[in-house]
Amino acid sequence: MPQLNPGPWLAIFLMSWVVFLLILTFKISNFNSLNEPTLKNKKNKPESPYWPWA
């Protein structure tokens, strides 16, 4: 029975998964994040509280 020979079917299965994962990777990486990270400016940094007893 040729269906039981894993040689060609295993190669087809693995190659199809590689192609599938590569396509998904590129499609997912093309999406832009909805919440872009903002840079923290040192000017907006709150000052630490004043502790007179320290």
N, C-alpha and C. Protein backbone atom coordinates (compact mmCIF):
# COMPACT_ATOMS: atom_id res chain seq x y z
N MET A 1 0.84 -1.18 0.00
CA MET A 1 0.00 0.00 0.00
C MET A 1 0.89 1.25 0.00
N PRO A 2 0.79 2.08 -1.02
CA PRO A 2 1.69 3.24 -1.11
C PRO A 2 1.36 4.33 -0.09
N GLN A 3 0.16 4.34 0.48
CA GLN A 3 -0.18 5.37 1.46
C GLN A 3 0.67 5.24 2.73
N LEU A 4 1.15 4.05 3.00
CA LEU A 4 1.90 3.82 4.23
C LEU A 4 3.36 4.23 4.11
N ASN A 5 3.82 4.55 2.92
CA ASN A 5 5.20 4.98 2.73
C ASN A 5 5.29 6.45 3.17
N PRO A 6 5.95 6.76 4.30
CA PRO A 6 5.94 8.12 4.82
C PRO A 6 6.90 9.07 4.09
N GLY A 7 7.73 8.55 3.22
CA GLY A 7 8.74 9.39 2.55
C GLY A 7 8.17 10.60 1.85
N PRO A 8 7.39 10.44 0.80
CA PRO A 8 6.91 11.63 0.08
C PRO A 8 5.87 12.42 0.88
N TRP A 9 5.03 11.76 1.65
CA TRP A 9 3.98 12.46 2.37
C TRP A 9 4.54 13.29 3.52
N LEU A 10 5.56 12.78 4.17
CA LEU A 10 6.18 13.54 5.25
C LEU A 10 6.85 14.80 4.71
N ALA A 11 7.53 14.66 3.58
CA ALA A 11 8.18 15.83 2.98
C ALA A 11 7.14 16.87 2.55
N ILE A 12 6.04 16.43 1.95
CA ILE A 12 4.98 17.35 1.53
C ILE A 12 4.37 18.03 2.75
N PHE A 13 4.12 17.25 3.78
CA PHE A 13 3.53 17.80 5.01
C PHE A 13 4.44 18.84 5.64
N LEU A 14 5.72 18.54 5.77
CA LEU A 14 6.65 19.48 6.40
C LEU A 14 6.84 20.73 5.55
N MET A 15 6.95 20.58 4.25
CA MET A 15 7.12 21.75 3.39
C MET A 15 5.88 22.63 3.39
N SER A 16 4.70 22.00 3.43
CA SER A 16 3.48 22.82 3.47
C SER A 16 3.40 23.60 4.77
N TRP A 17 3.83 23.02 5.89
CA TRP A 17 3.83 23.75 7.15
C TRP A 17 4.86 24.87 7.15
N VAL A 18 6.00 24.64 6.54
CA VAL A 18 7.02 25.69 6.46
C VAL A 18 6.48 26.87 5.66
N VAL A 19 5.87 26.59 4.53
CA VAL A 19 5.31 27.66 3.70
C VAL A 19 4.19 28.37 4.45
N PHE A 20 3.33 27.61 5.09
CA PHE A 20 2.21 28.18 5.85
C PHE A 20 2.72 29.10 6.96
N LEU A 21 3.72 28.67 7.70
CA LEU A 21 4.26 29.48 8.79
C LEU A 21 4.98 30.72 8.27
N LEU A 22 5.67 30.60 7.14
CA LEU A 22 6.34 31.77 6.57
C LEU A 22 5.33 32.80 6.11
N ILE A 23 4.27 32.37 5.47
CA ILE A 23 3.24 33.30 5.01
C ILE A 23 2.58 33.97 6.20
N LEU A 24 2.25 33.21 7.22
CA LEU A 24 1.62 33.79 8.41
C LEU A 24 2.55 34.78 9.10
N THR A 25 3.83 34.44 9.18
CA THR A 25 4.79 35.32 9.84
C THR A 25 4.85 36.67 9.14
N PHE A 26 4.92 36.67 7.81
CA PHE A 26 5.01 37.92 7.08
C PHE A 26 3.70 38.70 7.14
N LYS A 27 2.57 38.02 7.10
CA LYS A 27 1.29 38.72 7.17
C LYS A 27 1.08 39.34 8.55
N ILE A 28 1.45 38.63 9.60
CA ILE A 28 1.26 39.15 10.95
C ILE A 28 2.23 40.30 11.22
N SER A 29 3.45 40.19 10.71
CA SER A 29 4.43 41.24 10.98
C SER A 29 4.12 42.52 10.22
N ASN A 30 3.25 42.48 9.21
CA ASN A 30 2.89 43.69 8.47
C ASN A 30 1.86 44.53 9.21
N PHE A 31 1.20 43.99 10.22
CA PHE A 31 0.24 44.76 10.97
C PHE A 31 0.94 45.79 11.83
N ASN A 32 0.35 46.96 11.91
CA ASN A 32 0.89 48.00 12.79
C ASN A 32 0.20 47.88 14.14
N SER A 33 0.93 48.18 15.15
CA SER A 33 0.36 48.16 16.48
C SER A 33 -0.61 49.32 16.63
N LEU A 34 -1.76 49.07 17.23
CA LEU A 34 -2.74 50.14 17.42
C LEU A 34 -2.28 51.13 18.47
N ASN A 35 -1.57 50.65 19.46
CA ASN A 35 -1.06 51.52 20.53
C ASN A 35 0.44 51.64 20.37
N GLU A 36 0.84 52.65 19.64
CA GLU A 36 2.27 52.85 19.43
C GLU A 36 2.92 53.28 20.75
N PRO A 37 4.06 52.73 21.06
CA PRO A 37 4.73 53.15 22.31
C PRO A 37 5.20 54.59 22.19
N THR A 38 5.07 55.32 23.27
CA THR A 38 5.51 56.71 23.28
C THR A 38 6.85 56.80 23.98
N LEU A 39 7.64 57.72 23.51
CA LEU A 39 8.94 57.93 24.14
C LEU A 39 8.76 58.78 25.39
N LYS A 40 9.46 58.42 26.43
CA LYS A 40 9.39 59.20 27.66
C LYS A 40 10.44 60.30 27.60
N ASN A 41 9.99 61.48 27.76
CA ASN A 41 10.92 62.62 27.80
C ASN A 41 11.39 62.81 29.24
N LYS A 42 12.64 63.21 29.38
CA LYS A 42 13.15 63.47 30.72
C LYS A 42 12.55 64.75 31.28
N LYS A 43 12.03 65.62 30.39
CA LYS A 43 11.42 66.86 30.85
C LYS A 43 10.12 66.58 31.60
N ASN A 44 9.41 65.54 31.20
CA ASN A 44 8.13 65.23 31.82
C ASN A 44 8.27 64.34 33.05
N LYS A 45 9.48 64.06 33.43
CA LYS A 45 9.69 63.19 34.58
C LYS A 45 9.29 63.91 35.86
N PRO A 46 8.39 63.33 36.66
CA PRO A 46 8.00 64.00 37.90
C PRO A 46 9.17 64.05 38.88
N GLU A 47 9.21 65.11 39.62
CA GLU A 47 10.29 65.26 40.59
C GLU A 47 9.99 64.42 41.81
N SER A 48 11.05 63.95 42.44
CA SER A 48 10.86 63.14 43.65
C SER A 48 10.42 64.05 44.79
N PRO A 49 9.68 63.50 45.74
CA PRO A 49 9.19 64.34 46.86
C PRO A 49 10.36 64.81 47.73
N TYR A 50 10.14 65.93 48.36
CA TYR A 50 11.16 66.51 49.24
C TYR A 50 10.98 65.95 50.65
N TRP A 51 12.01 65.33 51.16
CA TRP A 51 11.97 64.75 52.51
C TRP A 51 12.92 65.57 53.39
N PRO A 52 12.43 66.50 54.18
CA PRO A 52 13.33 67.35 54.96
C PRO A 52 14.06 66.61 56.07
N TRP A 53 13.53 65.50 56.56
CA TRP A 53 14.17 64.79 57.67
C TRP A 53 15.20 63.78 57.21
N ALA A 54 15.31 63.56 55.88
CA ALA A 54 16.26 62.56 55.40
C ALA A 54 17.63 63.15 55.17
